PDB file of N, CA and C in Angstrom:
ATOM      1  N   UNK A   1      19.022   4.928 -12.200  1.00  0.00           N
ATOM      2  CA  UNK A   1      18.069   4.971 -11.264  1.00  0.00           C
ATOM      3  C   UNK A   1      16.528   5.097 -11.650  1.00  0.00           C
ATOM      4  N   UNK A   2      15.764   4.121 -11.041  1.00  0.00           N
ATOM      5  CA  UNK A   2      14.410   4.090 -11.528  1.00  0.00           C
ATOM      6  C   UNK A   2      13.399   5.121 -10.839  1.00  0.00           C
ATOM      7  N   UNK A   3      12.535   5.671 -11.439  1.00  0.00           N
ATOM      8  CA  UNK A   3      11.696   6.652 -10.941  1.00  0.00           C
ATOM      9  C   UNK A   3      10.245   6.221 -10.799  1.00  0.00           C
ATOM     10  N   UNK A   4       9.583   6.202  -9.739  1.00  0.00           N
ATOM     11  CA  UNK A   4       8.224   5.704  -9.569  1.00  0.00           C
ATOM     12  C   UNK A   4       7.208   6.846  -9.210  1.00  0.00           C
ATOM     13  N   UNK A   5       6.303   7.188  -9.971  1.00  0.00           N
ATOM     14  CA  UNK A   5       5.461   8.118  -9.763  1.00  0.00           C
ATOM     15  C   UNK A   5       3.979   7.870  -9.711  1.00  0.00           C
ATOM     16  N   UNK A   6       3.333   8.078  -8.581  1.00  0.00           N
ATOM     17  CA  UNK A   6       1.740   7.748  -8.126  1.00  0.00           C
ATOM     18  C   UNK A   6       1.079   8.602  -9.231  1.00  0.00           C
ATOM     19  N   UNK A   7      -0.012   8.214  -9.840  1.00  0.00           N
ATOM     20  CA  UNK A   7      -0.827   8.963 -10.682  1.00  0.00           C
ATOM     21  C   UNK A   7      -2.036   9.009  -9.935  1.00  0.00           C
ATOM     22  N   UNK A   8      -2.277   9.995  -8.984  1.00  0.00           N
ATOM     23  CA  UNK A   8      -3.283  10.195  -7.925  1.00  0.00           C
ATOM     24  C   UNK A   8      -4.551  10.617  -8.937  1.00  0.00           C
ATOM     25  N   UNK A   9      -4.268  11.392 -10.032  1.00  0.00           N
ATOM     26  CA  UNK A   9      -5.393  11.971 -10.626  1.00  0.00           C
ATOM     27  C   UNK A   9      -6.250  10.833 -11.305  1.00  0.00           C
ATOM     28  N   UNK A  10      -5.465   9.755 -11.532  1.00  0.00           N
ATOM     29  CA  UNK A  10      -6.171   8.474 -12.352  1.00  0.00           C
ATOM     30  C   UNK A  10      -6.795   7.509 -11.383  1.00  0.00           C
ATOM     31  N   UNK A  11      -6.834   7.690 -10.149  1.00  0.00           N
ATOM     32  CA  UNK A  11      -7.119   6.691  -9.042  1.00  0.00           C
ATOM     33  C   UNK A  11      -8.678   6.260  -9.372  1.00  0.00           C
ATOM     34  N   UNK A  12      -8.821   5.066  -9.385  1.00  0.00           N
ATOM     35  CA  UNK A  12     -10.255   4.445  -9.457  1.00  0.00           C
ATOM     36  C   UNK A  12     -10.593   3.865  -8.263  1.00  0.00           C
ATOM     37  N   UNK A  13     -11.758   4.685  -7.656  1.00  0.00           N
ATOM     38  CA  UNK A  13     -12.443   4.442  -6.604  1.00  0.00           C
ATOM     39  C   UNK A  13     -13.686   3.755  -6.690  1.00  0.00           C
ATOM     40  N   UNK A  14     -13.959   2.726  -5.898  1.00  0.00           N
ATOM     41  CA  UNK A  14     -15.279   1.860  -6.029  1.00  0.00           C
ATOM     42  C   UNK A  14     -15.842   2.132  -4.625  1.00  0.00           C
ATOM     43  N   UNK A  15     -17.313   2.567  -4.627  1.00  0.00           N
ATOM     44  CA  UNK A  15     -18.063   2.610  -3.504  1.00  0.00           C
ATOM     45  C   UNK A  15     -19.223   1.835  -3.348  1.00  0.00           C
ATOM     46  N   UNK A  16     -19.637   1.456  -2.205  1.00  0.00           N
ATOM     47  CA  UNK A  16     -20.807   0.663  -2.053  1.00  0.00           C
ATOM     48  C   UNK A  16     -21.493   1.154  -0.711  1.00  0.00           C
ATOM     49  N   UNK A  17     -22.819   1.650  -0.991  1.00  0.00           N
ATOM     50  CA  UNK A  17     -23.606   2.389   0.056  1.00  0.00           C
ATOM     51  C   UNK A  17     -22.833   3.597   0.429  1.00  0.00           C
ATOM     52  N   UNK A  18     -22.166   4.351  -0.301  1.00  0.00           N
ATOM     53  CA  UNK A  18     -21.604   5.533   0.284  1.00  0.00           C
ATOM     54  C   UNK A  18     -20.240   5.395   0.810  1.00  0.00           C
ATOM     55  N   UNK A  19     -19.806   4.181   0.960  1.00  0.00           N
ATOM     56  CA  UNK A  19     -18.474   3.915   1.748  1.00  0.00           C
ATOM     57  C   UNK A  19     -17.410   3.278   0.586  1.00  0.00           C
ATOM     58  N   UNK A  20     -16.232   3.930   0.586  1.00  0.00           N
ATOM     59  CA  UNK A  20     -15.162   3.238  -0.328  1.00  0.00           C
ATOM     60  C   UNK A  20     -14.881   1.856   0.122  1.00  0.00           C
ATOM     61  N   UNK A  21     -14.953   0.896  -0.881  1.00  0.00           N
ATOM     62  CA  UNK A  21     -14.730  -0.444  -0.727  1.00  0.00           C
ATOM     63  C   UNK A  21     -13.471  -0.932  -1.442  1.00  0.00           C
ATOM     64  N   UNK A  22     -13.123  -0.256  -2.326  1.00  0.00           N
ATOM     65  CA  UNK A  22     -11.741  -0.619  -3.073  1.00  0.00           C
ATOM     66  C   UNK A  22     -11.375   0.622  -4.034  1.00  0.00           C
ATOM     67  N   UNK A  23      -9.972   0.347  -4.271  1.00  0.00           N
ATOM     68  CA  UNK A  23      -9.473   1.370  -5.115  1.00  0.00           C
ATOM     69  C   UNK A  23      -8.226   0.856  -5.879  1.00  0.00           C
ATOM     70  N   UNK A  24      -7.900   1.367  -6.997  1.00  0.00           N
ATOM     71  CA  UNK A  24      -6.926   1.122  -7.807  1.00  0.00           C
ATOM     72  C   UNK A  24      -6.001   2.298  -8.214  1.00  0.00           C
ATOM     73  N   UNK A  25      -4.864   2.089  -7.974  1.00  0.00           N
ATOM     74  CA  UNK A  25      -3.759   3.222  -7.987  1.00  0.00           C
ATOM     75  C   UNK A  25      -2.749   2.858  -9.099  1.00  0.00           C
ATOM     76  N   UNK A  26      -2.780   3.736 -10.010  1.00  0.00           N
ATOM     77  CA  UNK A  26      -1.649   3.555 -10.847  1.00  0.00           C
ATOM     78  C   UNK A  26      -0.372   4.381 -10.817  1.00  0.00           C
ATOM     79  N   UNK A  27       0.607   3.722 -11.335  1.00  0.00           N
ATOM     80  CA  UNK A  27       2.030   4.446 -11.194  1.00  0.00           C
ATOM     81  C   UNK A  27       2.574   4.379 -12.508  1.00  0.00           C
ATOM     82  N   UNK A  28       3.358   5.573 -12.926  1.00  0.00           N
ATOM     83  CA  UNK A  28       4.300   5.665 -14.008  1.00  0.00           C
ATOM     84  C   UNK A  28       5.562   5.338 -13.437  1.00  0.00           C
ATOM     85  N   UNK A  29       6.141   4.302 -14.257  1.00  0.00           N
ATOM     86  CA  UNK A  29       7.565   3.848 -13.749  1.00  0.00           C
ATOM     87  C   UNK A  29       8.488   4.169 -14.914  1.00  0.00           C
ATOM     88  N   UNK A  30       9.684   4.915 -14.597  1.00  0.00           N
ATOM     89  CA  UNK A  30      10.546   5.182 -15.698  1.00  0.00           C
ATOM     90  C   UNK A  30      11.683   4.429 -15.185  1.00  0.00           C
ATOM     91  N   UNK A  31      11.941   3.200 -15.889  1.00  0.00           N
ATOM     92  CA  UNK A  31      13.019   2.343 -15.274  1.00  0.00           C
ATOM     93  C   UNK A  31      14.197   1.866 -16.258  1.00  0.00           C
ATOM     94  N   UNK A  32      15.235   1.725 -15.895  1.00  0.00           N
ATOM     95  CA  UNK A  32      16.246   1.357 -16.776  1.00  0.00           C
ATOM     96  C   UNK A  32      16.982  -0.042 -16.260  1.00  0.00           C
ATOM     97  N   UNK A  33      16.760  -0.441 -14.989  1.00  0.00           N
ATOM     98  CA  UNK A  33      17.378  -1.477 -14.316  1.00  0.00           C
ATOM     99  C   UNK A  33      16.606  -1.886 -13.044  1.00  0.00           C
ATOM    100  N   UNK A  34      16.960  -3.090 -12.635  1.00  0.00           N
ATOM    101  CA  UNK A  34      16.533  -3.524 -11.304  1.00  0.00           C
ATOM    102  C   UNK A  34      15.228  -4.409 -11.364  1.00  0.00           C
ATOM    103  N   UNK A  35      14.601  -4.631 -10.181  1.00  0.00           N
ATOM    104  CA  UNK A  35      13.646  -5.276  -9.964  1.00  0.00           C
ATOM    105  C   UNK A  35      12.442  -4.322  -9.724  1.00  0.00           C
ATOM    106  N   UNK A  36      11.697  -4.078 -10.874  1.00  0.00           N
ATOM    107  CA  UNK A  36      10.832  -2.949 -10.955  1.00  0.00           C
ATOM    108  C   UNK A  36       9.568  -3.292  -9.801  1.00  0.00           C
ATOM    109  N   UNK A  37       9.074  -4.497 -10.025  1.00  0.00           N
ATOM    110  CA  UNK A  37       7.873  -5.030  -9.119  1.00  0.00           C
ATOM    111  C   UNK A  37       8.127  -4.666  -7.736  1.00  0.00           C
ATOM    112  N   UNK A  38       9.371  -5.252  -7.290  1.00  0.00           N
ATOM    113  CA  UNK A  38       9.908  -4.987  -5.914  1.00  0.00           C
ATOM    114  C   UNK A  38       9.964  -3.375  -5.644  1.00  0.00           C
ATOM    115  N   UNK A  39      10.438  -2.794  -6.417  1.00  0.00           N
ATOM    116  CA  UNK A  39      10.416  -1.313  -6.269  1.00  0.00           C
ATOM    117  C   UNK A  39       9.189  -0.632  -6.024  1.00  0.00           C
ATOM    118  N   UNK A  40       8.133  -1.182  -6.869  1.00  0.00           N
ATOM    119  CA  UNK A  40       6.805  -0.706  -6.792  1.00  0.00           C
ATOM    120  C   UNK A  40       6.309  -0.848  -5.439  1.00  0.00           C
ATOM    121  N   UNK A  41       6.466  -2.138  -4.764  1.00  0.00           N
ATOM    122  CA  UNK A  41       5.984  -2.442  -3.551  1.00  0.00           C
ATOM    123  C   UNK A  41       6.526  -1.684  -2.346  1.00  0.00           C
ATOM    124  N   UNK A  42       7.849  -1.330  -2.665  1.00  0.00           N
ATOM    125  CA  UNK A  42       8.441  -0.532  -1.644  1.00  0.00           C
ATOM    126  C   UNK A  42       7.973   0.967  -1.728  1.00  0.00           C
ATOM    127  N   UNK A  43       7.579   1.464  -2.880  1.00  0.00           N
ATOM    128  CA  UNK A  43       7.065   2.749  -2.942  1.00  0.00           C
ATOM    129  C   UNK A  43       5.552   2.988  -2.634  1.00  0.00           C
ATOM    130  N   UNK A  44       4.646   1.914  -3.033  1.00  0.00           N
ATOM    131  CA  UNK A  44       3.352   1.996  -2.818  1.00  0.00           C
ATOM    132  C   UNK A  44       3.059   1.938  -1.249  1.00  0.00           C
ATOM    133  N   UNK A  45       2.116   2.841  -0.867  1.00  0.00           N
ATOM    134  CA  UNK A  45       1.674   2.644   0.515  1.00  0.00           C
ATOM    135  C   UNK A  45       0.983   1.374   0.846  1.00  0.00           C
ATOM    136  N   UNK A  46       1.121   0.861   1.995  1.00  0.00           N
ATOM    137  CA  UNK A  46       0.455  -0.241   2.422  1.00  0.00           C
ATOM    138  C   UNK A  46      -0.969   0.169   2.651  1.00  0.00           C
ATOM    139  N   UNK A  47      -1.277   1.181   3.175  1.00  0.00           N
ATOM    140  CA  UNK A  47      -2.763   1.857   3.522  1.00  0.00           C
ATOM    141  C   UNK A  47      -2.889   3.153   2.795  1.00  0.00           C
ATOM    142  N   UNK A  48      -4.104   3.380   2.158  1.00  0.00           N
ATOM    143  CA  UNK A  48      -4.585   4.674   1.770  1.00  0.00           C
ATOM    144  C   UNK A  48      -6.003   4.799   2.306  1.00  0.00           C
ATOM    145  N   UNK A  49      -6.220   5.959   2.434  1.00  0.00           N
ATOM    146  CA  UNK A  49      -7.615   6.645   2.964  1.00  0.00           C
ATOM    147  C   UNK A  49      -7.957   5.890   4.266  1.00  0.00           C
ATOM    148  N   UNK A  50      -6.933   5.576   5.090  1.00  0.00           N
ATOM    149  CA  UNK A  50      -7.286   5.055   6.439  1.00  0.00           C
ATOM    150  C   UNK A  50      -7.702   3.702   6.595  1.00  0.00           C
ATOM    151  N   UNK A  51      -8.381   3.079   5.737  1.00  0.00           N
ATOM    152  CA  UNK A  51      -8.765   1.787   5.909  1.00  0.00           C
ATOM    153  C   UNK A  51      -8.844   0.834   4.622  1.00  0.00           C
ATOM    154  N   UNK A  52      -8.079   1.415   3.547  1.00  0.00           N
ATOM    155  CA  UNK A  52      -7.910   0.601   2.319  1.00  0.00           C
ATOM    156  C   UNK A  52      -6.552   0.007   2.396  1.00  0.00           C
ATOM    157  N   UNK A  53      -6.411  -1.326   2.383  1.00  0.00           N
ATOM    158  CA  UNK A  53      -5.117  -2.108   2.646  1.00  0.00           C
ATOM    159  C   UNK A  53      -4.725  -2.682   1.054  1.00  0.00           C
ATOM    160  N   UNK A  54      -3.466  -2.616   0.947  1.00  0.00           N
ATOM    161  CA  UNK A  54      -2.861  -2.980  -0.459  1.00  0.00           C
ATOM    162  C   UNK A  54      -3.028  -4.488  -0.515  1.00  0.00           C
ATOM    163  N   UNK A  55      -3.585  -5.009  -1.722  1.00  0.00           N
ATOM    164  CA  UNK A  55      -3.781  -6.469  -1.813  1.00  0.00           C
ATOM    165  C   UNK A  55      -3.077  -7.114  -3.011  1.00  0.00           C
ATOM    166  N   UNK A  56      -2.999  -6.376  -3.997  1.00  0.00           N
ATOM    167  CA  UNK A  56      -2.175  -6.995  -5.349  1.00  0.00           C
ATOM    168  C   UNK A  56      -1.516  -5.851  -5.923  1.00  0.00           C
ATOM    169  N   UNK A  57      -0.479  -6.267  -6.782  1.00  0.00           N
ATOM    170  CA  UNK A  57       0.210  -5.287  -7.476  1.00  0.00           C
ATOM    171  C   UNK A  57       0.825  -6.133  -8.928  1.00  0.00           C
ATOM    172  N   UNK A  58       0.755  -5.156  -9.896  1.00  0.00           N
ATOM    173  CA  UNK A  58       1.092  -5.564 -11.216  1.00  0.00           C
ATOM    174  C   UNK A  58       1.936  -4.626 -11.984  1.00  0.00           C
ATOM    175  N   UNK A  59       2.950  -5.095 -12.664  1.00  0.00           N
ATOM    176  CA  UNK A  59       3.792  -4.187 -13.707  1.00  0.00           C
ATOM    177  C   UNK A  59       3.606  -4.609 -14.959  1.00  0.00           C
ATOM    178  N   UNK A  60       3.389  -3.788 -15.863  1.00  0.00           N
ATOM    179  CA  UNK A  60       3.472  -4.098 -17.329  1.00  0.00           C
ATOM    180  C   UNK A  60       4.134  -2.952 -17.936  1.00  0.00           C
ATOM    181  N   UNK A  61       4.959  -3.578 -19.187  1.00  0.00           N
ATOM    182  CA  UNK A  61       5.897  -2.503 -19.855  1.00  0.00           C
ATOM    183  C   UNK A  61       4.991  -1.737 -20.933  1.00  0.00           C
ATOM    184  N   UNK A  62       5.209  -0.523 -21.060  1.00  0.00           N
ATOM    185  CA  UNK A  62       4.338   0.477 -21.829  1.00  0.00           C
ATOM    186  C   UNK A  62       5.360   0.892 -23.064  1.00  0.00           C
ATOM    187  N   UNK A  63       6.765   1.006 -22.814  1.00  0.00           N
ATOM    188  CA  UNK A  63       7.688   1.471 -23.771  1.00  0.00           C
ATOM    189  C   UNK A  63       9.072   0.988 -23.419  1.00  0.00           C
ATOM    190  N   UNK A  64       9.957   1.489 -24.083  1.00  0.00           N
ATOM    191  CA  UNK A  64      11.424   0.851 -23.907  1.00  0.00           C
ATOM    192  C   UNK A  64      11.940   0.959 -22.337  1.00  0.00           C
ATOM    193  N   UNK A  65      11.500   2.122 -21.770  1.00  0.00           N
ATOM    194  CA  UNK A  65      11.976   2.269 -20.411  1.00  0.00           C
ATOM    195  C   UNK A  65      10.698   2.825 -19.526  1.00  0.00           C
ATOM    196  N   UNK A  66       9.607   2.660 -20.135  1.00  0.00           N
ATOM    197  CA  UNK A  66       8.346   3.130 -19.355  1.00  0.00           C
ATOM    198  C   UNK A  66       7.488   1.880 -19.089  1.00  0.00           C
ATOM    199  N   UNK A  67       6.983   1.847 -17.730  1.00  0.00           N
ATOM    200  CA  UNK A  67       6.321   0.924 -17.259  1.00  0.00           C
ATOM    201  C   UNK A  67       4.981   1.390 -16.569  1.00  0.00           C
ATOM    202  N   UNK A  68       3.971   0.611 -16.396  1.00  0.00           N
ATOM    203  CA  UNK A  68       2.924   0.945 -15.551  1.00  0.00           C
ATOM    204  C   UNK A  68       2.675   0.009 -14.660  1.00  0.00           C
ATOM    205  N   UNK A  69       2.551   0.568 -13.268  1.00  0.00           N
ATOM    206  CA  UNK A  69       2.366  -0.179 -12.051  1.00  0.00           C
ATOM    207  C   UNK A  69       1.050   0.017 -11.706  1.00  0.00           C
ATOM    208  N   UNK A  70       0.416  -1.012 -11.335  1.00  0.00           N
ATOM    209  CA  UNK A  70      -1.127  -0.975 -10.824  1.00  0.00           C
ATOM    210  C   UNK A  70      -1.240  -1.707  -9.450  1.00  0.00           C
ATOM    211  N   UNK A  71      -1.692  -0.992  -8.474  1.00  0.00           N
ATOM    212  CA  UNK A  71      -1.768  -1.450  -7.109  1.00  0.00           C
ATOM    213  C   UNK A  71      -3.310  -1.545  -6.605  1.00  0.00           C
ATOM    214  N   UNK A  72      -3.740  -2.649  -6.278  1.00  0.00           N
ATOM    215  CA  UNK A  72      -5.118  -2.756  -5.793  1.00  0.00           C
ATOM    216  C   UNK A  72      -5.221  -2.535  -4.250  1.00  0.00           C
ATOM    217  N   UNK A  73      -6.278  -2.041  -3.769  1.00  0.00           N
ATOM    218  CA  UNK A  73      -6.589  -1.838  -2.415  1.00  0.00           C
ATOM    219  C   UNK A  73      -7.966  -2.108  -2.061  1.00  0.00           C
ATOM    220  N   UNK A  74      -8.094  -2.882  -0.965  1.00  0.00           N
ATOM    221  CA  UNK A  74      -9.506  -3.180  -0.437  1.00  0.00           C
ATOM    222  C   UNK A  74      -9.667  -2.714   0.929  1.00  0.00           C
ATOM    223  N   UNK A  75     -11.035  -2.476   1.049  1.00  0.00           N
ATOM    224  CA  UNK A  75     -11.417  -2.065   2.622  1.00  0.00           C
ATOM    225  C   UNK A  75     -11.289  -3.343   3.568  1.00  0.00           C
ATOM    226  N   UNK A  76     -10.876  -3.193   4.665  1.00  0.00           N
ATOM    227  CA  UNK A  76     -10.720  -4.045   5.723  1.00  0.00           C
ATOM    228  C   UNK A  76     -11.126  -3.348   6.960  1.00  0.00           C
ATOM    229  N   UNK A  77     -11.919  -3.828   7.793  1.00  0.00           N
ATOM    230  CA  UNK A  77     -12.352  -3.421   8.966  1.00  0.00           C
ATOM    231  C   UNK A  77     -11.540  -4.035  10.097  1.00  0.00           C
ATOM    232  N   UNK A  78     -10.555  -3.341  10.557  1.00  0.00           N
ATOM    233  CA  UNK A  78      -9.682  -3.874  11.674  1.00  0.00           C
ATOM    234  C   UNK A  78      -9.981  -3.121  12.848  1.00  0.00           C
ATOM    235  N   UNK A  79     -11.116  -2.734  13.147  1.00  0.00           N
ATOM    236  CA  UNK A  79     -11.377  -2.008  14.369  1.00  0.00           C
ATOM    237  C   UNK A  79     -11.479  -2.913  15.605  1.00  0.00           C
ATOM    238  N   UNK A  80     -11.536  -4.310  15.343  1.00  0.00           N
ATOM    239  CA  UNK A  80     -11.678  -5.225  16.430  1.00  0.00           C
ATOM    240  C   UNK A  80     -10.405  -6.032  16.611  1.00  0.00           C
ATOM    241  N   UNK A  81      -9.203  -5.587  15.960  1.00  0.00           N
ATOM    242  CA  UNK A  81      -7.926  -5.978  16.231  1.00  0.00           C
ATOM    243  C   UNK A  81      -7.082  -5.180  17.063  1.00  0.00           C
ATOM    244  N   UNK A  82      -6.251  -5.587  17.695  1.00  0.00           N
ATOM    245  CA  UNK A  82      -5.210  -4.985  18.460  1.00  0.00           C
ATOM    246  C   UNK A  82      -4.034  -5.491  18.556  1.00  0.00           C
ATOM    247  N   UNK A  83      -2.897  -4.804  18.721  1.00  0.00           N
ATOM    248  CA  UNK A  83      -1.470  -5.215  18.962  1.00  0.00           C
ATOM    249  C   UNK A  83      -0.970  -4.996  20.319  1.00  0.00           C
ATOM    250  N   UNK A  84      -0.263  -6.032  20.900  1.00  0.00           N
ATOM    251  CA  UNK A  84       0.180  -6.008  22.156  1.00  0.00           C
ATOM    252  C   UNK A  84       1.761  -5.906  22.026  1.00  0.00           C
ATOM    253  N   UNK A  85       2.477  -4.939  22.436  1.00  0.00           N
ATOM    254  CA  UNK A  85       3.983  -4.902  22.448  1.00  0.00           C
ATOM    255  C   UNK A  85       4.524  -4.700  23.795  1.00  0.00           C
ATOM    256  N   UNK A  86       5.538  -5.389  24.175  1.00  0.00           N
ATOM    257  CA  UNK A  86       6.452  -5.044  25.448  1.00  0.00           C
ATOM    258  C   UNK A  86       7.785  -5.326  25.306  1.00  0.00           C
ATOM    259  N   UNK A  87       8.479  -4.785  26.313  1.00  0.00           N
ATOM    260  CA  UNK A  87       9.845  -4.960  26.366  1.00  0.00           C
ATOM    261  C   UNK A  87      10.394  -6.224  27.228  1.00  0.00           C
ATOM    262  N   UNK A  88      11.098  -7.271  26.994  1.00  0.00           N
ATOM    263  CA  UNK A  88      11.157  -8.312  27.869  1.00  0.00           C
ATOM    264  C   UNK A  88      12.571  -8.188  28.479  1.00  0.00           C
ATOM    265  N   UNK A  89      13.355  -7.115  28.283  1.00  0.00           N
ATOM    266  CA  UNK A  89      14.805  -7.036  28.887  1.00  0.00           C
ATOM    267  C   UNK A  89      14.616  -6.591  30.280  1.00  0.00           C
ATOM    268  N   UNK A  90      13.785  -6.034  30.847  1.00  0.00           N
ATOM    269  CA  UNK A  90      13.765  -5.517  32.229  1.00  0.00           C
ATOM    270  C   UNK A  90      13.134  -6.556  32.977  1.00  0.00           C
ATOM    271  N   UNK A  91      12.533  -7.718  32.495  1.00  0.00           N
ATOM    272  CA  UNK A  91      11.975  -8.713  33.394  1.00  0.00           C
ATOM    273  C   UNK A  91      10.570  -8.463  33.508  1.00  0.00           C
ATOM    274  N   UNK A  92       9.944  -7.190  33.411  1.00  0.00           N
ATOM    275  CA  UNK A  92       8.494  -6.831  33.576  1.00  0.00           C
ATOM    276  C   UNK A  92       8.325  -5.963  32.425  1.00  0.00           C
ATOM    277  N   UNK A  93       7.064  -6.080  31.842  1.00  0.00           N
ATOM    278  CA  UNK A  93       6.620  -5.259  30.809  1.00  0.00           C
ATOM    279  C   UNK A  93       6.754  -3.890  31.095  1.00  0.00           C
ATOM    280  N   UNK A  94       7.353  -3.008  30.165  1.00  0.00           N
ATOM    281  CA  UNK A  94       7.584  -1.551  30.173  1.00  0.00           C
ATOM    282  C   UNK A  94       6.435  -0.868  29.815  1.00  0.00           C
ATOM    283  N   UNK A  95       5.772  -1.387  28.631  1.00  0.00           N
ATOM    284  CA  UNK A  95       4.852  -0.561  28.073  1.00  0.00           C
ATOM    285  C   UNK A  95       3.687  -1.566  27.307  1.00  0.00           C
ATOM    286  N   UNK A  96       2.669  -1.275  27.438  1.00  0.00           N
ATOM    287  CA  UNK A  96       1.614  -1.959  26.531  1.00  0.00           C
ATOM    288  C   UNK A  96       0.657  -0.933  25.665  1.00  0.00           C
ATOM    289  N   UNK A  97       0.676  -1.334  24.499  1.00  0.00           N
ATOM    290  CA  UNK A  97      -0.087  -0.264  23.496  1.00  0.00           C
ATOM    291  C   UNK A  97      -1.041  -1.092  22.875  1.00  0.00           C
ATOM    292  N   UNK A  98      -2.231  -0.641  22.973  1.00  0.00           N
ATOM    293  CA  UNK A  98      -3.414  -1.093  22.190  1.00  0.00           C
ATOM    294  C   UNK A  98      -3.531  -0.010  20.914  1.00  0.00           C
ATOM    295  N   UNK A  99      -3.569  -0.596  19.620  1.00  0.00           N
ATOM    296  CA  UNK A  99      -3.515   0.063  18.524  1.00  0.00           C
ATOM    297  C   UNK A  99      -4.758  -0.064  17.791  1.00  0.00           C
ATOM    298  N   UNK A 100      -5.396   0.772  17.316  1.00  0.00           N
ATOM    299  CA  UNK A 100      -6.625   0.726  16.569  1.00  0.00           C
ATOM    300  C   UNK A 100      -6.216   1.390  15.182  1.00  0.00           C
ATOM    301  N   UNK A 101      -6.071   0.614  14.087  1.00  0.00           N
ATOM    302  CA  UNK A 101      -5.635   1.287  12.781  1.00  0.00           C
ATOM    303  C   UNK A 101      -6.826   2.163  12.139  1.00  0.00           C
TER     304      UNK A 101
END
């Protein structure tokens, strides 16, 4: 079984005008089998700090059963986006949700 551990103490945060614009989060991966890059994406959050979205990831071998995963995040302003969802089984929409991430 593979173990994926985020290294929050070593996160690289880049700011511009006082606002976080991007970040790099590293993971220690203790792996013996499987698709390590896929498992990293399953374990790495899609969003951190509320508005940094996952953009890229990379896995490199450090030792015989040790890998380092690197996940990049970038700022995206999604305040102008919304999602509309409804249930079509009743013939009339049962709920409408406007979401602001």
